[in-house]
Amino acid sequence: MVKLSGQISAAGKDKGTKGGTVVVTGESIQLSGASIDASGQAGGGKVLIGGDTGGGHPSTAAANIELAKLESFVIPTATTVSVDAGTVINASAIDKGNGGKVVLWSDQQTTFAGTIVARGGAGGGNGGFVETSSHQQLDFRGMVDLRAPLGSVGT
């Protein structure tokens, strides 16, 4: 079992930098009071917890979304993923750029009560892509913000 709390940062804080990539794998993953920051001044990064888009097998609709495309490396899928209400995942663009990619995936059960933000930049850019999903059961009680003040809302 993998348990995460506290702060994890792959943020691109300097001008012109994008957020980095955070990958969390394991049989059972629990996020409790975690703050994962993959935001970037010039674009949001990626946070992949328990797998990639569609558990590595994206639907036809997702395959046509640029941000939803699979990574160049395989991400092992989790059996269960649990995210509490105190957890915040941020893959937003801060200044100018597009929001990033956040995927929460499990083969059996995903429970999500947290907050995911993948907004477009304040000076321009589109919202990002978020998938909170499971091959079997999904309990979604959280919030996702994919707005873009000067661009298109995310997916």
C-alpha atoms as a PDB file:
ATOM      1  CA  MET A   1       0.000   0.000   0.000  1.00  0.00           C
ATOM      2  CA  VAL A   2       1.189   3.507  -0.867  1.00  0.00           C
ATOM      3  CA  LYS A   3       0.057   6.317   1.462  1.00  0.00           C
ATOM      4  CA  LEU A   4       0.774   9.948   0.603  1.00  0.00           C
ATOM      5  CA  SER A   5       0.236  13.065   2.697  1.00  0.00           C
ATOM      6  CA  GLY A   6       2.034  16.370   2.955  1.00  0.00           C
ATOM      7  CA  GLN A   7       3.490  18.224  -0.031  1.00  0.00           C
ATOM      8  CA  ILE A   8       4.838  16.897  -3.309  1.00  0.00           C
ATOM      9  CA  SER A   9       6.056  19.490  -5.805  1.00  0.00           C
ATOM     10  CA  ALA A  10       7.071  19.309  -9.446  1.00  0.00           C
ATOM     11  CA  ALA A  11       6.090  22.937  -9.983  1.00  0.00           C
ATOM     12  CA  GLY A  12       7.661  25.119 -12.663  1.00  0.00           C
ATOM     13  CA  LYS A  13       8.065  28.275 -10.596  1.00  0.00           C
ATOM     14  CA  ASP A  14      10.429  30.199 -12.880  1.00  0.00           C
ATOM     15  CA  LYS A  15       9.215  32.320 -15.783  1.00  0.00           C
ATOM     16  CA  GLY A  16       8.760  30.241 -18.950  1.00  0.00           C
ATOM     17  CA  THR A  17       8.779  26.853 -17.171  1.00  0.00           C
ATOM     18  CA  LYS A  18       6.074  24.191 -17.237  1.00  0.00           C
ATOM     19  CA  GLY A  19       5.063  21.922 -14.401  1.00  0.00           C
ATOM     20  CA  GLY A  20       6.774  18.554 -14.185  1.00  0.00           C
ATOM     21  CA  THR A  21       5.399  15.028 -13.899  1.00  0.00           C
ATOM     22  CA  VAL A  22       4.341  13.165 -10.749  1.00  0.00           C
ATOM     23  CA  VAL A  23       3.654   9.419 -11.103  1.00  0.00           C
ATOM     24  CA  VAL A  24       2.342   7.334  -8.198  1.00  0.00           C
ATOM     25  CA  THR A  25       2.031   3.568  -8.624  1.00  0.00           C
ATOM     26  CA  GLY A  26       1.174   0.726  -6.298  1.00  0.00           C
ATOM     27  CA  GLU A  27      -1.411  -1.962  -5.611  1.00  0.00           C
ATOM     28  CA  SER A  28      -3.469   0.268  -3.313  1.00  0.00           C
ATOM     29  CA  ILE A  29      -2.944   4.053  -3.215  1.00  0.00           C
ATOM     30  CA  GLN A  30      -4.270   6.414  -0.518  1.00  0.00           C
ATOM     31  CA  LEU A  31      -3.912  10.194  -0.572  1.00  0.00           C
ATOM     32  CA  SER A  32      -4.770  11.838   2.733  1.00  0.00           C
ATOM     33  CA  GLY A  33      -4.282  15.576   3.201  1.00  0.00           C
ATOM     34  CA  ALA A  34      -1.840  15.589   0.296  1.00  0.00           C
ATOM     35  CA  SER A  35      -0.887  18.621  -1.771  1.00  0.00           C
ATOM     36  CA  ILE A  36       0.493  17.691  -5.201  1.00  0.00           C
ATOM     37  CA  ASP A  37       1.697  20.704  -7.197  1.00  0.00           C
ATOM     38  CA  ALA A  38       2.576  20.254 -10.883  1.00  0.00           C
ATOM     39  CA  SER A  39       1.603  23.790 -11.844  1.00  0.00           C
ATOM     40  CA  GLY A  40       3.847  25.871 -14.056  1.00  0.00           C
ATOM     41  CA  GLN A  41       4.238  29.475 -15.141  1.00  0.00           C
ATOM     42  CA  ALA A  42       4.072  28.480 -18.847  1.00  0.00           C
ATOM     43  CA  GLY A  43       1.803  25.416 -18.550  1.00  0.00           C
ATOM     44  CA  GLY A  44       0.556  22.753 -16.197  1.00  0.00           C
ATOM     45  CA  GLY A  45       2.366  19.471 -15.733  1.00  0.00           C
ATOM     46  CA  LYS A  46       1.103  15.901 -15.288  1.00  0.00           C
ATOM     47  CA  VAL A  47      -0.105  13.956 -12.255  1.00  0.00           C
ATOM     48  CA  LEU A  48      -0.732  10.268 -12.926  1.00  0.00           C
ATOM     49  CA  ILE A  49      -1.963   8.248  -9.962  1.00  0.00           C
ATOM     50  CA  GLY A  50      -2.737   4.556 -10.409  1.00  0.00           C
ATOM     51  CA  GLY A  51      -2.397   4.569 -14.191  1.00  0.00           C
ATOM     52  CA  ASP A  52      -2.628   6.529 -17.415  1.00  0.00           C
ATOM     53  CA  THR A  53      -5.704   7.548 -19.438  1.00  0.00           C
ATOM     54  CA  GLY A  54      -8.242   4.708 -19.468  1.00  0.00           C
ATOM     55  CA  GLY A  55      -5.862   2.542 -17.466  1.00  0.00           C
ATOM     56  CA  GLY A  56      -3.590   2.490 -20.519  1.00  0.00           C
ATOM     57  CA  HIS A  57      -6.475   1.766 -22.893  1.00  0.00           C
ATOM     58  CA  PRO A  58      -8.147   5.116 -23.665  1.00  0.00           C
ATOM     59  CA  SER A  59     -11.563   5.259 -25.286  1.00  0.00           C
ATOM     60  CA  THR A  60     -11.847   6.518 -28.848  1.00  0.00           C
ATOM     61  CA  ALA A  61     -13.155   9.851 -27.531  1.00  0.00           C
ATOM     62  CA  ALA A  62     -10.206  10.259 -25.139  1.00  0.00           C
ATOM     63  CA  ALA A  63      -7.695   9.192 -27.798  1.00  0.00           C
ATOM     64  CA  ASN A  64      -8.743  12.235 -29.856  1.00  0.00           C
ATOM     65  CA  ILE A  65      -7.895  14.682 -27.017  1.00  0.00           C
ATOM     66  CA  GLU A  66      -4.272  15.822 -27.239  1.00  0.00           C
ATOM     67  CA  LEU A  67      -3.719  16.017 -23.451  1.00  0.00           C
ATOM     68  CA  ALA A  68      -5.275  12.571 -22.925  1.00  0.00           C
ATOM     69  CA  LYS A  69      -2.723  10.776 -25.117  1.00  0.00           C
ATOM     70  CA  LEU A  70      -0.807   7.996 -23.382  1.00  0.00           C
ATOM     71  CA  GLU A  71       2.657   8.690 -22.019  1.00  0.00           C
ATOM     72  CA  SER A  72       5.698   7.202 -23.753  1.00  0.00           C
ATOM     73  CA  PHE A  73       6.178   4.845 -20.777  1.00  0.00           C
ATOM     74  CA  VAL A  74       3.769   2.299 -19.272  1.00  0.00           C
ATOM     75  CA  ILE A  75       2.238   3.186 -15.911  1.00  0.00           C
ATOM     76  CA  PRO A  76       1.192   0.101 -13.904  1.00  0.00           C
ATOM     77  CA  THR A  77      -2.453   0.234 -12.813  1.00  0.00           C
ATOM     78  CA  ALA A  78      -3.580   0.288  -9.185  1.00  0.00           C
ATOM     79  CA  THR A  79      -6.261  -2.010  -7.788  1.00  0.00           C
ATOM     80  CA  THR A  80      -7.714   0.779  -5.596  1.00  0.00           C
ATOM     81  CA  VAL A  81      -7.200   4.550  -5.330  1.00  0.00           C
ATOM     82  CA  SER A  82      -8.594   6.637  -2.477  1.00  0.00           C
ATOM     83  CA  VAL A  83      -8.338  10.455  -2.261  1.00  0.00           C
ATOM     84  CA  ASP A  84      -9.714  12.273   0.796  1.00  0.00           C
ATOM     85  CA  ALA A  85     -11.402  15.693   0.964  1.00  0.00           C
ATOM     86  CA  GLY A  86      -8.213  17.344   2.266  1.00  0.00           C
ATOM     87  CA  THR A  87      -6.192  16.492  -0.847  1.00  0.00           C
ATOM     88  CA  VAL A  88      -5.512  19.077  -3.577  1.00  0.00           C
ATOM     89  CA  ILE A  89      -3.894  18.276  -6.949  1.00  0.00           C
ATOM     90  CA  ASN A  90      -2.850  21.291  -9.034  1.00  0.00           C
ATOM     91  CA  ALA A  91      -1.693  21.046 -12.671  1.00  0.00           C
ATOM     92  CA  SER A  92      -2.615  24.598 -13.678  1.00  0.00           C
ATOM     93  CA  ALA A  93      -0.840  27.086 -15.892  1.00  0.00           C
ATOM     94  CA  ILE A  94      -0.141  30.188 -13.817  1.00  0.00           C
ATOM     95  CA  ASP A  95       0.842  32.917 -16.296  1.00  0.00           C
ATOM     96  CA  LYS A  96       0.321  31.951 -19.936  1.00  0.00           C
ATOM     97  CA  GLY A  97      -0.236  28.376 -21.080  1.00  0.00           C
ATOM     98  CA  ASN A  98      -2.560  25.398 -20.953  1.00  0.00           C
ATOM     99  CA  GLY A  99      -3.602  23.432 -17.906  1.00  0.00           C
ATOM    100  CA  GLY A 100      -2.020  20.008 -17.550  1.00  0.00           C
ATOM    101  CA  LYS A 101      -3.112  16.371 -17.323  1.00  0.00           C
ATOM    102  CA  VAL A 102      -4.353  14.601 -14.189  1.00  0.00           C
ATOM    103  CA  VAL A 103      -5.403  10.930 -14.173  1.00  0.00           C
ATOM    104  CA  LEU A 104      -6.641   8.909 -11.194  1.00  0.00           C
ATOM    105  CA  TRP A 105      -7.226   5.293 -12.239  1.00  0.00           C
ATOM    106  CA  SER A 106      -7.945   1.971 -10.559  1.00  0.00           C
ATOM    107  CA  ASP A 107      -8.899  -1.471 -11.770  1.00  0.00           C
ATOM    108  CA  GLN A 108     -11.448  -2.085  -8.965  1.00  0.00           C
ATOM    109  CA  GLN A 109     -12.404   1.043  -7.015  1.00  0.00           C
ATOM    110  CA  THR A 110     -11.593   4.768  -7.101  1.00  0.00           C
ATOM    111  CA  THR A 111     -12.910   6.939  -4.279  1.00  0.00           C
ATOM    112  CA  PHE A 112     -12.384  10.669  -4.830  1.00  0.00           C
ATOM    113  CA  ALA A 113     -13.411  13.473  -2.461  1.00  0.00           C
ATOM    114  CA  GLY A 114     -10.569  15.940  -3.106  1.00  0.00           C
ATOM    115  CA  THR A 115      -9.938  18.894  -5.412  1.00  0.00           C
ATOM    116  CA  ILE A 116      -8.213  18.873  -8.801  1.00  0.00           C
ATOM    117  CA  VAL A 117      -7.295  22.133 -10.531  1.00  0.00           C
ATOM    118  CA  ALA A 118      -5.907  22.252 -14.099  1.00  0.00           C
ATOM    119  CA  ARG A 119      -6.766  25.783 -15.171  1.00  0.00           C
ATOM    120  CA  GLY A 120      -5.535  27.732 -18.166  1.00  0.00           C
ATOM    121  CA  GLY A 121      -3.165  30.610 -17.410  1.00  0.00           C
ATOM    122  CA  ALA A 122      -4.365  34.027 -16.269  1.00  0.00           C
ATOM    123  CA  GLY A 123      -2.744  35.596 -19.357  1.00  0.00           C
ATOM    124  CA  GLY A 124      -4.026  33.004 -21.853  1.00  0.00           C
ATOM    125  CA  GLY A 125      -4.299  29.281 -22.439  1.00  0.00           C
ATOM    126  CA  ASN A 126      -6.904  26.529 -22.216  1.00  0.00           C
ATOM    127  CA  GLY A 127      -7.970  24.344 -19.313  1.00  0.00           C
ATOM    128  CA  GLY A 128      -6.379  20.926 -18.935  1.00  0.00           C
ATOM    129  CA  PHE A 129      -7.554  17.298 -18.989  1.00  0.00           C
ATOM    130  CA  VAL A 130      -8.716  15.338 -15.920  1.00  0.00           C
ATOM    131  CA  GLU A 131      -9.847  11.719 -15.658  1.00  0.00           C
ATOM    132  CA  THR A 132     -11.011  10.262 -12.355  1.00  0.00           C
ATOM    133  CA  SER A 133     -12.014   6.744 -13.224  1.00  0.00           C
ATOM    134  CA  SER A 134     -12.084   3.043 -12.458  1.00  0.00           C
ATOM    135  CA  HIS A 135     -12.572  -0.086 -14.503  1.00  0.00           C
ATOM    136  CA  GLN A 136     -15.238  -1.124 -11.973  1.00  0.00           C
ATOM    137  CA  GLN A 137     -16.449   1.315  -9.273  1.00  0.00           C
ATOM    138  CA  LEU A 138     -16.151   5.100  -8.981  1.00  0.00           C
ATOM    139  CA  ASP A 139     -17.285   7.138  -5.973  1.00  0.00           C
ATOM    140  CA  PHE A 140     -16.820  10.799  -6.976  1.00  0.00           C
ATOM    141  CA  ARG A 141     -17.621  13.493  -4.392  1.00  0.00           C
ATOM    142  CA  GLY A 142     -14.843  15.958  -5.115  1.00  0.00           C
ATOM    143  CA  MET A 143     -14.383  19.030  -7.287  1.00  0.00           C
ATOM    144  CA  VAL A 144     -12.555  19.623 -10.574  1.00  0.00           C
ATOM    145  CA  ASP A 145     -11.758  23.117 -11.926  1.00  0.00           C
ATOM    146  CA  LEU A 146     -10.738  23.306 -15.595  1.00  0.00           C
ATOM    147  CA  ARG A 147     -11.637  26.944 -16.268  1.00  0.00           C
ATOM    148  CA  ALA A 148      -9.567  29.233 -18.434  1.00  0.00           C
ATOM    149  CA  PRO A 149     -10.019  33.017 -18.027  1.00  0.00           C
ATOM    150  CA  LEU A 150      -8.882  33.757 -21.605  1.00  0.00           C
ATOM    151  CA  GLY A 151      -9.270  30.347 -23.285  1.00  0.00           C
ATOM    152  CA  SER A 152     -11.446  27.271 -23.620  1.00  0.00           C
ATOM    153  CA  VAL A 153     -12.559  25.263 -20.639  1.00  0.00           C
ATOM    154  CA  GLY A 154     -10.741  21.914 -20.244  1.00  0.00           C
ATOM    155  CA  THR A 155     -11.994  18.332 -20.493  1.00  0.00           C
END
